[in-house]
Amino acid sequence: MGWRTVIIDSRCIGGLKGLNDNSIAFIEEGNRIELNKDGIVVIDYFFLSQYEKPILSKLYKSIEKMNGNDPNVIEDIQSIYKHFDSLLSSVTDYYNIDFEVDVPTALGEYLKFASLKPQNGFDYGEEGVINFISLIAHLKLYKIIVLVNAKSFFTTDQIEEIFKTCCYNGQTAFFLDNCETEERFTNEIKIVVDEDYYDVLYRS
């Protein structure tokens, strides 16, 4: 039975000046994780556009390293984004591009045209977030995912589903609410998930 828990190193709280401050550190299973070393995704539904460009840039570069003529790559992405095939079809038709799996293709370019990107909570809800997190996990882009102000858009049950998805993917998830710095760490709901049975074990 595997449990994933995330503890905040309280010694770093005093150095916090903003959400992207590299002085913040996570302690996961006794190991210190530096944000500037291991990478981070911050999805703030109030200010998503601030983070979208660097996230997408890394996302597309990772995808472009894949071999576009490998049908397994397409299948993997289709399994995450169920509507990817229709997006790809509409893009190739509109731009008059011939897409064949037996021809090497810069897959990232197709995804740019198709506007495959993180969707905000207003329009796409829980499923959009889970899809994006799953794609990040598949491409091994980030070890830590921080969702900022998610509690303003999702219910506790929805947040648990997002958290369980991260645990299933082997990612560390943390939720920061829009409050004072000290409260941001002390008043968080801590959720422990049983990875084997994919269920919530403990909530405080």
Protein backbone atom coordinates (compact mmCIF):
# COMPACT_ATOMS: atom_id res chain seq x y z
CA MET A 1 0.00 0.00 0.00
CA GLY A 2 1.55 3.30 -1.06
CA TRP A 3 0.64 6.64 0.43
CA ARG A 4 1.71 10.01 -0.93
CA THR A 5 1.85 12.95 1.43
CA VAL A 6 3.25 16.43 0.96
CA ILE A 7 4.52 18.47 3.90
CA ILE A 8 5.53 22.10 3.67
CA ASP A 9 8.86 23.10 5.15
CA SER A 10 7.73 25.85 7.54
CA ARG A 11 11.22 27.36 7.59
CA CYS A 12 10.63 28.57 4.03
CA ILE A 13 7.38 30.39 4.72
CA GLY A 14 9.12 33.57 5.84
CA GLY A 15 10.92 33.90 2.50
CA LEU A 16 7.73 33.78 0.46
CA LYS A 17 7.26 36.93 -1.60
CA GLY A 18 5.09 35.53 -4.39
CA LEU A 19 3.75 32.34 -5.88
CA ASN A 20 6.84 31.85 -8.07
CA ASP A 21 9.40 32.54 -5.35
CA ASN A 22 12.15 29.92 -5.62
CA SER A 23 12.75 30.02 -1.87
CA ILE A 24 9.66 27.84 -1.35
CA ALA A 25 10.48 24.18 -0.88
CA PHE A 26 8.34 21.08 -0.59
CA ILE A 27 9.29 18.16 1.61
CA GLU A 28 7.97 14.95 0.06
CA GLU A 29 8.52 11.69 1.94
CA GLY A 30 11.48 13.23 3.73
CA ASN A 31 13.14 14.58 0.58
CA ARG A 32 13.44 18.29 -0.01
CA ILE A 33 12.22 19.34 -3.44
CA GLU A 34 13.40 22.71 -4.75
CA LEU A 35 10.93 24.40 -7.05
CA ASN A 36 13.57 26.01 -9.24
CA LYS A 37 15.31 22.63 -9.67
CA ASP A 38 12.46 20.20 -10.18
CA GLY A 39 10.03 22.44 -12.01
CA ILE A 40 6.49 23.44 -11.18
CA VAL A 41 3.17 24.01 -12.88
CA VAL A 42 1.10 26.79 -11.36
CA ILE A 43 -2.44 26.89 -12.66
CA ASP A 44 -4.20 29.93 -11.20
CA TYR A 45 -7.71 30.20 -12.55
CA PHE A 46 -7.77 33.91 -11.87
CA PHE A 47 -4.56 34.54 -13.80
CA LEU A 48 -4.11 31.52 -16.07
CA SER A 49 -2.64 33.56 -18.94
CA GLN A 50 0.44 34.44 -16.86
CA TYR A 51 1.52 30.80 -16.81
CA GLU A 52 0.08 29.50 -20.05
CA LYS A 53 2.90 30.56 -22.39
CA PRO A 54 5.85 28.92 -20.57
CA ILE A 55 3.80 25.78 -19.90
CA LEU A 56 2.77 25.46 -23.54
CA SER A 57 6.28 26.19 -24.78
CA LYS A 58 7.71 23.29 -22.79
CA LEU A 59 4.74 21.11 -23.70
CA TYR A 60 5.14 21.61 -27.44
CA LYS A 61 8.91 21.16 -27.34
CA SER A 62 8.48 17.85 -25.55
CA ILE A 63 5.90 16.67 -28.05
CA GLU A 64 8.04 17.71 -31.00
CA LYS A 65 10.81 15.41 -29.76
CA MET A 66 8.49 12.48 -30.36
CA ASN A 67 8.51 10.69 -33.67
CA GLY A 68 5.37 11.85 -35.43
CA ASN A 69 5.13 8.74 -37.59
CA ASP A 70 4.70 6.50 -34.55
CA PRO A 71 0.98 5.68 -34.30
CA ASN A 72 1.41 4.91 -30.61
CA VAL A 73 2.12 8.58 -29.96
CA ILE A 74 -1.18 9.55 -31.54
CA GLU A 75 -3.02 6.84 -29.61
CA ASP A 76 -1.49 7.97 -26.33
CA ILE A 77 -2.60 11.54 -26.85
CA GLN A 78 -6.03 10.44 -28.08
CA SER A 79 -6.48 8.38 -24.93
CA ILE A 80 -5.93 11.53 -22.86
CA TYR A 81 -7.73 14.02 -25.09
CA LYS A 82 -10.75 12.15 -26.41
CA HIS A 83 -11.50 14.92 -28.86
CA PHE A 84 -7.96 15.10 -30.27
CA ASP A 85 -8.85 13.19 -33.44
CA SER A 86 -11.62 15.65 -34.33
CA LEU A 87 -9.33 18.58 -33.53
CA LEU A 88 -6.62 17.14 -35.74
CA SER A 89 -9.10 16.52 -38.53
CA SER A 90 -10.46 20.06 -38.43
CA VAL A 91 -6.94 21.51 -38.39
CA THR A 92 -5.70 19.45 -41.33
CA ASP A 93 -8.82 20.28 -43.34
CA TYR A 94 -8.66 24.01 -42.60
CA TYR A 95 -4.96 24.35 -43.36
CA ASN A 96 -5.09 21.84 -46.23
CA ILE A 97 -2.42 19.67 -44.61
CA ASP A 98 -2.04 15.99 -45.39
CA PHE A 99 -1.49 14.11 -42.17
CA GLU A 100 -0.43 10.49 -42.50
CA VAL A 101 1.02 8.39 -39.71
CA ASP A 102 3.63 6.90 -42.03
CA VAL A 103 5.19 10.30 -42.69
CA PRO A 104 7.39 11.99 -40.04
CA THR A 105 5.43 14.94 -38.68
CA ALA A 106 6.17 17.75 -36.26
CA LEU A 107 3.29 16.77 -34.03
CA GLY A 108 3.71 19.85 -31.87
CA GLU A 109 2.77 22.06 -34.81
CA TYR A 110 -0.56 20.28 -35.18
CA LEU A 111 -1.26 20.72 -31.50
CA LYS A 112 -0.49 24.42 -31.74
CA PHE A 113 -3.00 24.80 -34.54
CA ALA A 114 -5.53 22.75 -32.60
CA SER A 115 -5.05 24.99 -29.54
CA LEU A 116 -4.40 22.05 -27.24
CA LYS A 117 -3.76 23.81 -23.96
CA PRO A 118 -4.77 23.96 -20.31
CA GLN A 119 -8.39 24.94 -19.99
CA ASN A 120 -9.64 27.15 -17.20
CA GLY A 121 -12.19 26.14 -14.62
CA PHE A 122 -14.90 28.41 -15.96
CA ASP A 123 -15.17 26.69 -19.33
CA TYR A 124 -13.98 23.12 -18.96
CA GLY A 125 -14.13 22.28 -15.29
CA GLU A 126 -12.67 19.25 -13.61
CA GLU A 127 -12.27 17.14 -16.76
CA GLY A 128 -10.15 19.78 -18.50
CA VAL A 129 -7.78 20.00 -15.55
CA ILE A 130 -7.47 16.22 -15.26
CA ASN A 131 -6.78 15.93 -19.00
CA PHE A 132 -4.04 18.54 -18.82
CA ILE A 133 -2.46 16.97 -15.73
CA SER A 134 -2.54 13.56 -17.42
CA LEU A 135 -0.79 14.94 -20.49
CA ILE A 136 1.89 16.55 -18.31
CA ALA A 137 2.42 13.19 -16.60
CA HIS A 138 2.57 11.31 -19.90
CA LEU A 139 5.25 13.67 -21.23
CA LYS A 140 7.07 13.71 -17.86
CA LEU A 141 7.17 17.51 -17.83
CA TYR A 142 6.86 18.31 -14.13
CA LYS A 143 7.15 16.51 -10.79
CA ILE A 144 5.02 18.99 -8.85
CA ILE A 145 1.66 20.50 -9.72
CA VAL A 146 0.33 23.42 -7.73
CA LEU A 147 -3.21 24.60 -8.32
CA VAL A 148 -3.82 28.11 -7.08
CA ASN A 149 -7.32 29.24 -6.08
CA ALA A 150 -8.75 25.91 -7.24
CA LYS A 151 -11.05 25.88 -4.23
CA SER A 152 -12.85 28.88 -5.68
CA PHE A 153 -13.82 26.86 -8.75
CA PHE A 154 -14.09 23.24 -7.61
CA THR A 155 -15.91 21.38 -4.88
CA THR A 156 -14.03 19.29 -2.33
CA ASP A 157 -15.08 16.13 -4.20
CA GLN A 158 -13.73 17.53 -7.49
CA ILE A 159 -10.46 18.51 -5.83
CA GLU A 160 -10.15 14.99 -4.46
CA GLU A 161 -10.57 13.58 -7.98
CA ILE A 162 -7.85 15.89 -9.29
CA PHE A 163 -5.62 14.94 -6.37
CA LYS A 164 -6.18 11.23 -6.94
CA THR A 165 -5.31 11.68 -10.63
CA CYS A 166 -1.99 13.26 -9.66
CA CYS A 167 -1.25 10.43 -7.22
CA TYR A 168 -2.14 7.84 -9.85
CA ASN A 169 0.29 9.55 -12.24
CA GLY A 170 3.03 9.69 -9.60
CA GLN A 171 2.88 13.48 -9.35
CA THR A 172 2.91 15.66 -6.27
CA ALA A 173 -0.14 17.91 -6.02
CA PHE A 174 -0.69 20.85 -3.73
CA PHE A 175 -3.55 23.31 -3.52
CA LEU A 176 -3.01 26.92 -2.49
CA ASP A 177 -5.97 29.13 -1.71
CA ASN A 178 -6.13 32.89 -2.12
CA CYS A 179 -5.34 33.97 1.44
CA GLU A 180 -2.55 35.33 3.60
CA THR A 181 0.82 33.60 3.31
CA GLU A 182 0.77 32.05 6.79
CA GLU A 183 -2.80 30.81 6.41
CA ARG A 184 -2.02 29.44 2.99
CA PHE A 185 0.09 26.75 4.61
CA THR A 186 -1.61 26.20 7.95
CA ASN A 187 -5.24 26.01 6.85
CA GLU A 188 -4.90 23.67 3.89
CA ILE A 189 -6.94 20.48 3.68
CA LYS A 190 -4.49 17.59 3.72
CA ILE A 191 -5.57 14.53 1.74
CA VAL A 192 -3.82 11.16 1.86
CA VAL A 193 -4.52 8.78 -1.01
CA ASP A 194 -4.05 5.04 -1.18
CA GLU A 195 -2.32 4.57 -4.53
CA ASP A 196 -3.11 0.86 -4.79
CA TYR A 197 -6.84 1.24 -4.34
CA TYR A 198 -7.06 4.76 -5.79
CA ASP A 199 -9.19 6.07 -2.95
CA VAL A 200 -9.12 8.81 -0.34
CA LEU A 201 -7.99 7.48 3.03
CA TYR A 202 -7.78 10.55 5.17
CA ARG A 203 -8.88 14.15 5.09
CA SER A 204 -8.22 16.81 7.70
